[in-house]
Every structure is written in structure tokens, then in C-alpha cells.
């Protein structure tokens, strides 16, 4: 009886050893086959600073309910250009954002127009 128990235990250990090596063999090729991530495009320091300034000014205008939709669209275009690494477009769109934000804030100072009596 003890010989049978010894044989069953040995067979179980050999089976578990085979499973353990199969799992390791499956994970190694998957890790080795993982492609390297492509480099993220970057923009110039000047473009990054302009984009940050435009984002901050747009946030301040939005807090005062003075953010024009044209400024919002230009900000979105600038952020997309930054993701692609296009510094020239970022600078151009950030300039539009800042101009439109300035005009939107100035519009708050216009006198109220009274309609009717």
C-alpha cells in the first residue's frame, strides 16, 4: 500500500512540475513579443508655455461665463496639435485663444442694453 501511495504522490508532483513550466514558457514569449512604445511627439518650450497660458486664461474666462465658443474650439485645436507635436499650430491656435478670451472678458464691461420700457 505504501508503494502505491509513493507512486501516486510522485505522479502528482511530476504533473504539477509540468504545469509550472508550461505557464512560465507561455508568459516569456508574450513579454518578449511586446513591441516598444513609440516616442511621444514633443513641442517647443515656447509652444508649451503659450498653450499653458491659453489654458489658464480660458479656464479663468469660463469661470466668469465669458468663454467664447471660438476660443474653446481654438483651445481644442491647440491641444490636438500639441499631441501631434506641431509647435507652429499650437502657437497659432494659442494666440487665437488668448485674443478671444480677452475680447470675451472685455465684453463683460459693456453697458447693459435695456429693451422695452
C-alpha atoms as a PDB file:
ATOM      1  CA  UNK A   1       0.000   0.000   0.000  1.00  0.00           C
ATOM      2  CA  UNK A   2       2.806   2.390   0.788  1.00  0.00           C
ATOM      3  CA  UNK A   3       4.342   1.734  -2.646  1.00  0.00           C
ATOM      4  CA  UNK A   4       1.056   2.724  -4.317  1.00  0.00           C
ATOM      5  CA  UNK A   5       0.906   5.917  -2.236  1.00  0.00           C
ATOM      6  CA  UNK A   6       4.503   6.720  -3.193  1.00  0.00           C
ATOM      7  CA  UNK A   7       3.759   6.210  -6.903  1.00  0.00           C
ATOM      8  CA  UNK A   8       0.627   8.421  -6.763  1.00  0.00           C
ATOM      9  CA  UNK A   9       2.479  11.183  -4.928  1.00  0.00           C
ATOM     10  CA  UNK A  10       5.343  11.049  -7.437  1.00  0.00           C
ATOM     11  CA  UNK A  11       2.929  11.227 -10.357  1.00  0.00           C
ATOM     12  CA  UNK A  12       1.133  14.221  -8.832  1.00  0.00           C
ATOM     13  CA  UNK A  13       4.405  16.071  -8.261  1.00  0.00           C
ATOM     14  CA  UNK A  14       5.550  15.396 -11.832  1.00  0.00           C
ATOM     15  CA  UNK A  15       2.206  16.657 -13.140  1.00  0.00           C
ATOM     16  CA  UNK A  16       2.439  19.867 -11.120  1.00  0.00           C
ATOM     17  CA  UNK A  17       6.008  20.417 -12.268  1.00  0.00           C
ATOM     18  CA  UNK A  18       4.914  20.107 -15.882  1.00  0.00           C
ATOM     19  CA  UNK A  19       2.145  22.685 -15.358  1.00  0.00           C
ATOM     20  CA  UNK A  20       4.512  25.132 -13.727  1.00  0.00           C
ATOM     21  CA  UNK A  21       6.966  25.043 -16.628  1.00  0.00           C
ATOM     22  CA  UNK A  22       4.149  25.427 -19.173  1.00  0.00           C
ATOM     23  CA  UNK A  23       2.933  28.647 -17.533  1.00  0.00           C
ATOM     24  CA  UNK A  24       6.399  30.150 -17.471  1.00  0.00           C
ATOM     25  CA  UNK A  25       7.018  29.215 -21.085  1.00  0.00           C
ATOM     26  CA  UNK A  26       3.747  30.892 -22.129  1.00  0.00           C
ATOM     27  CA  UNK A  27       4.451  34.170 -20.352  1.00  0.00           C
ATOM     28  CA  UNK A  28       8.005  34.655 -21.592  1.00  0.00           C
ATOM     29  CA  UNK A  29       7.202  34.878 -25.319  1.00  0.00           C
ATOM     30  CA  UNK A  30       4.286  37.202 -24.640  1.00  0.00           C
ATOM     31  CA  UNK A  31       6.554  39.586 -22.753  1.00  0.00           C
ATOM     32  CA  UNK A  32       9.269  39.328 -25.395  1.00  0.00           C
ATOM     33  CA  UNK A  33       6.782  39.926 -28.230  1.00  0.00           C
ATOM     34  CA  UNK A  34       5.544  43.210 -26.709  1.00  0.00           C
ATOM     35  CA  UNK A  35       6.528  45.994 -29.113  1.00  0.00           C
ATOM     36  CA  UNK A  36       8.293  49.071 -27.825  1.00  0.00           C
ATOM     37  CA  UNK A  37       6.068  52.129 -27.385  1.00  0.00           C
ATOM     38  CA  UNK A  38       6.689  54.835 -29.976  1.00  0.00           C
ATOM     39  CA  UNK A  39       8.213  58.086 -28.763  1.00  0.00           C
ATOM     40  CA  UNK A  40       5.643  60.714 -27.846  1.00  0.00           C
ATOM     41  CA  UNK A  41       5.905  63.816 -30.050  1.00  0.00           C
ATOM     42  CA  UNK A  42       7.023  66.932 -28.202  1.00  0.00           C
ATOM     43  CA  UNK A  43       6.540  70.630 -28.813  1.00  0.00           C
ATOM     44  CA  UNK A  44       8.928  73.514 -28.273  1.00  0.00           C
ATOM     45  CA  UNK A  45       9.232  75.163 -24.870  1.00  0.00           C
ATOM     46  CA  UNK A  46       7.709  78.364 -26.283  1.00  0.00           C
ATOM     47  CA  UNK A  47       4.700  76.479 -27.645  1.00  0.00           C
ATOM     48  CA  UNK A  48       4.250  74.630 -24.355  1.00  0.00           C
ATOM     49  CA  UNK A  49       4.315  77.913 -22.418  1.00  0.00           C
ATOM     50  CA  UNK A  50       1.786  79.531 -24.781  1.00  0.00           C
ATOM     51  CA  UNK A  51      -0.513  76.519 -24.537  1.00  0.00           C
ATOM     52  CA  UNK A  52      -0.356  76.578 -20.728  1.00  0.00           C
ATOM     53  CA  UNK A  53      -1.102  80.324 -20.685  1.00  0.00           C
ATOM     54  CA  UNK A  54      -4.017  79.854 -23.103  1.00  0.00           C
ATOM     55  CA  UNK A  55      -5.426  77.029 -20.984  1.00  0.00           C
ATOM     56  CA  UNK A  56      -5.173  79.121 -17.813  1.00  0.00           C
ATOM     57  CA  UNK A  57      -6.813  82.158 -19.423  1.00  0.00           C
ATOM     58  CA  UNK A  58      -9.600  80.036 -20.908  1.00  0.00           C
ATOM     59  CA  UNK A  59     -10.251  78.483 -17.502  1.00  0.00           C
ATOM     60  CA  UNK A  60     -10.485  81.938 -15.913  1.00  0.00           C
ATOM     61  CA  UNK A  61     -12.864  83.144 -18.649  1.00  0.00           C
ATOM     62  CA  UNK A  62     -15.024  80.082 -18.242  1.00  0.00           C
ATOM     63  CA  UNK A  63     -15.286  80.752 -14.513  1.00  0.00           C
ATOM     64  CA  UNK A  64     -16.747  84.173 -15.377  1.00  0.00           C
ATOM     65  CA  UNK A  65     -19.055  82.725 -18.069  1.00  0.00           C
ATOM     66  CA  UNK A  66     -17.145  84.703 -20.705  1.00  0.00           C
ATOM     67  CA  UNK A  67     -15.523  81.937 -22.742  1.00  0.00           C
ATOM     68  CA  UNK A  68     -16.445  82.261 -26.379  1.00  0.00           C
ATOM     69  CA  UNK A  69     -17.023  79.111 -28.401  1.00  0.00           C
ATOM     70  CA  UNK A  70     -14.391  80.232 -30.898  1.00  0.00           C
ATOM     71  CA  UNK A  71     -11.822  80.358 -28.096  1.00  0.00           C
ATOM     72  CA  UNK A  72     -12.938  76.946 -26.900  1.00  0.00           C
ATOM     73  CA  UNK A  73     -12.558  75.496 -30.414  1.00  0.00           C
ATOM     74  CA  UNK A  74      -9.123  77.063 -30.854  1.00  0.00           C
ATOM     75  CA  UNK A  75      -8.015  75.654 -27.490  1.00  0.00           C
ATOM     76  CA  UNK A  76      -9.124  72.186 -28.532  1.00  0.00           C
ATOM     77  CA  UNK A  77      -7.225  72.548 -31.827  1.00  0.00           C
ATOM     78  CA  UNK A  78      -4.113  73.705 -29.956  1.00  0.00           C
ATOM     79  CA  UNK A  79      -4.265  70.725 -27.598  1.00  0.00           C
ATOM     80  CA  UNK A  80      -4.669  68.312 -30.522  1.00  0.00           C
ATOM     81  CA  UNK A  81      -1.715  69.912 -32.297  1.00  0.00           C
ATOM     82  CA  UNK A  82       0.350  69.572 -29.122  1.00  0.00           C
ATOM     83  CA  UNK A  83      -0.458  65.862 -29.008  1.00  0.00           C
ATOM     84  CA  UNK A  84       0.843  65.565 -32.577  1.00  0.00           C
ATOM     85  CA  UNK A  85       3.966  67.632 -31.833  1.00  0.00           C
ATOM     86  CA  UNK A  86       3.051  70.535 -34.154  1.00  0.00           C
ATOM     87  CA  UNK A  87       4.528  73.593 -32.405  1.00  0.00           C
ATOM     88  CA  UNK A  88       3.602  76.082 -35.156  1.00  0.00           C
ATOM     89  CA  UNK A  89      -0.090  75.183 -34.973  1.00  0.00           C
ATOM     90  CA  UNK A  90      -0.017  75.273 -31.177  1.00  0.00           C
ATOM     91  CA  UNK A  91       1.390  78.811 -31.254  1.00  0.00           C
ATOM     92  CA  UNK A  92      -1.158  79.960 -33.844  1.00  0.00           C
ATOM     93  CA  UNK A  93      -4.173  78.458 -32.047  1.00  0.00           C
ATOM     94  CA  UNK A  94      -2.995  79.588 -28.590  1.00  0.00           C
ATOM     95  CA  UNK A  95      -2.771  83.157 -29.905  1.00  0.00           C
ATOM     96  CA  UNK A  96      -6.374  82.918 -31.148  1.00  0.00           C
ATOM     97  CA  UNK A  97      -7.489  81.563 -27.768  1.00  0.00           C
ATOM     98  CA  UNK A  98      -5.827  84.385 -25.868  1.00  0.00           C
ATOM     99  CA  UNK A  99      -7.271  87.073 -28.172  1.00  0.00           C
ATOM    100  CA  UNK A 100     -10.800  85.702 -27.979  1.00  0.00           C
ATOM    101  CA  UNK A 101     -10.609  85.248 -24.223  1.00  0.00           C
ATOM    102  CA  UNK A 102      -9.502  88.880 -23.877  1.00  0.00           C
ATOM    103  CA  UNK A 103     -12.422  90.072 -26.024  1.00  0.00           C
ATOM    104  CA  UNK A 104     -14.861  87.872 -24.123  1.00  0.00           C
ATOM    105  CA  UNK A 105     -13.739  89.326 -20.796  1.00  0.00           C
ATOM    106  CA  UNK A 106     -13.908  92.881 -22.170  1.00  0.00           C
ATOM    107  CA  UNK A 107     -17.452  92.188 -23.291  1.00  0.00           C
ATOM    108  CA  UNK A 108     -18.455  91.920 -19.621  1.00  0.00           C
ATOM    109  CA  UNK A 109     -17.697  95.646 -19.273  1.00  0.00           C
ATOM    110  CA  UNK A 110     -20.147  96.677 -21.984  1.00  0.00           C
ATOM    111  CA  UNK A 111     -23.206  98.540 -20.687  1.00  0.00           C
ATOM    112  CA  UNK A 112     -26.414  96.562 -20.396  1.00  0.00           C
ATOM    113  CA  UNK A 113     -28.927  97.230 -23.148  1.00  0.00           C
ATOM    114  CA  UNK A 114     -32.405  97.817 -21.894  1.00  0.00           C
ATOM    115  CA  UNK A 115     -35.132  96.518 -24.196  1.00  0.00           C
ATOM    116  CA  UNK A 116     -38.605  97.882 -23.785  1.00  0.00           C
ATOM    117  CA  UNK A 117     -39.780 100.376 -21.167  1.00  0.00           C
END
